[in-house]
Amino acid sequence: MKKIILFFAFLLASTLAFSNEVKIKIKNVKAQEGKVVMSIHSSKNSFKNRIPDYAFVLQASSDEIETTVNLPDGDFAFCVYQDLNSDGSLNTNLIGIPKEPFGFSNYNGKSVPGNFEKHKVTINKDSEIVITLFMM
């Protein structure tokens, strides 16, 4: 009986840990071309080493797509690119400039993308994040 109670207590605690519903809108998608890949990072180390805490592949069904994720309280950086040729990676030119559409949280496309501190968003309630994809 104690094990059953502990199991349900754990289940409840884990549900409460991910209590923030985050709606993510991705704009400027090339509709019907490839897939949209999104990664979510919760630390400088995760962002720097490109090891996401969460990763998603979305269909490029229209020029603006949406998805919803549940996240715990914390700071997160959202990274998105559109894999136009479906090869599983963000293609770049010889000097590292992306050849495919990309975007980040807190990024306007007018400068070089930054680090975790520049792109992080504090999540502590239900939120909406808008990410615009850019081509260089």
Protein backbone atom coordinates (compact mmCIF):
# COMPACT_ATOMS: atom_id res chain seq x y z
CA MET A 1 0.00 0.00 0.00
CA LYS A 2 2.86 2.39 0.85
CA LYS A 3 4.38 1.75 -2.59
CA ILE A 4 1.13 2.67 -4.32
CA ILE A 5 0.83 5.90 -2.32
CA LEU A 6 4.46 6.79 -3.06
CA PHE A 7 3.92 6.09 -6.75
CA PHE A 8 0.92 8.44 -6.92
CA ALA A 9 2.78 11.08 -4.88
CA PHE A 10 5.67 10.89 -7.36
CA LEU A 11 3.27 11.09 -10.28
CA LEU A 12 1.62 14.20 -8.84
CA ALA A 13 4.98 15.84 -8.08
CA SER A 14 6.27 15.19 -11.60
CA THR A 15 3.09 16.65 -13.10
CA LEU A 16 3.45 19.80 -11.00
CA ALA A 17 7.13 20.17 -11.96
CA PHE A 18 6.10 20.79 -15.60
CA SER A 19 3.27 23.16 -14.83
CA ASN A 20 4.01 25.93 -17.35
CA GLU A 21 2.35 25.58 -20.73
CA VAL A 22 4.52 27.33 -23.32
CA LYS A 23 3.03 28.05 -26.74
CA ILE A 24 5.71 28.47 -29.40
CA LYS A 25 4.88 30.28 -32.64
CA ILE A 26 7.39 29.94 -35.46
CA LYS A 27 7.02 32.53 -38.23
CA ASN A 28 8.44 32.91 -41.73
CA VAL A 29 8.44 29.16 -42.39
CA LYS A 30 8.80 28.06 -46.02
CA ALA A 31 5.55 26.09 -46.22
CA GLN A 32 5.68 22.48 -47.39
CA GLU A 33 9.51 22.46 -47.58
CA GLY A 34 11.42 20.06 -45.34
CA LYS A 35 10.89 19.97 -41.61
CA VAL A 36 11.27 22.47 -38.77
CA VAL A 37 13.65 21.41 -36.01
CA MET A 38 13.43 23.01 -32.56
CA SER A 39 15.72 22.53 -29.58
CA ILE A 40 15.27 23.90 -26.08
CA HIS A 41 18.26 24.49 -23.80
CA SER A 42 18.17 25.13 -20.05
CA SER A 43 21.82 26.03 -19.39
CA LYS A 44 24.90 27.72 -20.86
CA ASN A 45 26.57 24.33 -21.16
CA SER A 46 23.63 22.75 -23.01
CA PHE A 47 23.47 25.70 -25.43
CA LYS A 48 27.23 25.94 -26.02
CA ASN A 49 27.67 22.20 -26.60
CA ARG A 50 24.45 21.91 -28.67
CA ILE A 51 23.03 19.26 -26.36
CA PRO A 52 19.34 20.16 -26.00
CA ASP A 53 17.20 19.32 -23.00
CA TYR A 54 14.24 18.93 -25.36
CA ALA A 55 14.11 18.51 -29.14
CA PHE A 56 11.20 18.43 -31.57
CA VAL A 57 10.68 17.94 -35.30
CA LEU A 58 7.65 19.75 -36.69
CA GLN A 59 5.94 19.67 -40.06
CA ALA A 60 6.38 22.78 -42.21
CA SER A 61 2.65 22.83 -42.92
CA SER A 62 2.24 26.60 -43.37
CA ASP A 63 4.21 29.85 -43.15
CA GLU A 64 3.45 30.03 -39.41
CA ILE A 65 3.36 26.95 -37.22
CA GLU A 66 2.64 26.47 -33.53
CA THR A 67 3.38 23.87 -30.91
CA THR A 68 2.91 23.69 -27.16
CA VAL A 69 5.33 22.27 -24.61
CA ASN A 70 5.18 21.98 -20.83
CA LEU A 71 8.27 23.27 -19.03
CA PRO A 72 9.28 23.71 -15.40
CA ASP A 73 10.19 27.14 -13.99
CA GLY A 74 13.58 28.28 -15.28
CA ASP A 75 15.56 29.96 -18.03
CA PHE A 76 15.41 28.45 -21.52
CA ALA A 77 16.88 29.30 -24.93
CA PHE A 78 14.86 28.20 -27.95
CA CYS A 79 16.68 27.39 -31.21
CA VAL A 80 14.91 26.63 -34.49
CA TYR A 81 15.95 25.88 -38.05
CA GLN A 82 14.15 24.66 -41.13
CA ASP A 83 15.81 21.61 -42.63
CA LEU A 84 14.83 22.37 -46.23
CA ASN A 85 16.61 19.36 -47.74
CA SER A 86 15.72 16.98 -44.88
CA ASP A 87 19.33 15.91 -44.31
CA GLY A 88 19.10 16.26 -40.51
CA SER A 89 21.44 19.23 -40.10
CA LEU A 90 21.59 23.00 -40.52
CA ASN A 91 23.56 23.49 -43.72
CA THR A 92 26.11 26.32 -43.75
CA ASN A 93 28.51 27.86 -46.24
CA LEU A 94 32.31 27.68 -45.99
CA ILE A 95 32.49 30.32 -43.25
CA GLY A 96 29.61 28.92 -41.18
CA ILE A 97 26.75 31.16 -42.28
CA PRO A 98 23.49 29.18 -42.44
CA LYS A 99 22.06 28.38 -45.87
CA GLU A 100 18.72 27.38 -44.33
CA PRO A 101 16.23 29.48 -42.32
CA PHE A 102 17.02 29.74 -38.61
CA GLY A 103 15.94 31.64 -35.51
CA PHE A 104 16.32 31.93 -31.75
CA SER A 105 14.32 33.28 -28.86
CA ASN A 106 15.16 36.98 -28.34
CA TYR A 107 16.67 37.29 -31.83
CA ASN A 108 15.74 39.86 -34.46
CA GLY A 109 17.99 38.67 -37.29
CA LYS A 110 19.96 41.94 -37.40
CA SER A 111 23.13 40.68 -35.75
CA VAL A 112 25.16 37.58 -35.15
CA PRO A 113 23.32 35.10 -32.90
CA GLY A 114 24.54 35.18 -29.33
CA ASN A 115 25.00 32.90 -26.38
CA PHE A 116 22.60 31.42 -23.85
CA GLU A 117 22.42 34.68 -21.87
CA LYS A 118 21.30 36.63 -24.96
CA HIS A 119 18.64 34.14 -26.04
CA LYS A 120 17.27 32.91 -22.72
CA VAL A 121 13.66 33.44 -21.73
CA THR A 122 12.50 33.09 -18.14
CA ILE A 123 9.56 30.71 -17.84
CA ASN A 124 7.61 30.88 -14.57
CA LYS A 125 4.02 30.92 -15.86
CA ASP A 126 2.10 29.95 -18.99
CA SER A 127 3.80 31.83 -21.82
CA GLU A 128 3.97 32.42 -25.54
CA ILE A 129 7.29 32.59 -27.42
CA VAL A 130 7.47 33.91 -30.98
CA ILE A 131 10.46 32.91 -33.11
CA THR A 132 10.95 34.30 -36.61
CA LEU A 133 13.09 32.36 -39.06
CA PHE A 134 15.71 34.33 -41.04
CA MET A 135 17.88 33.64 -44.09
CA MET A 136 21.30 35.21 -44.36
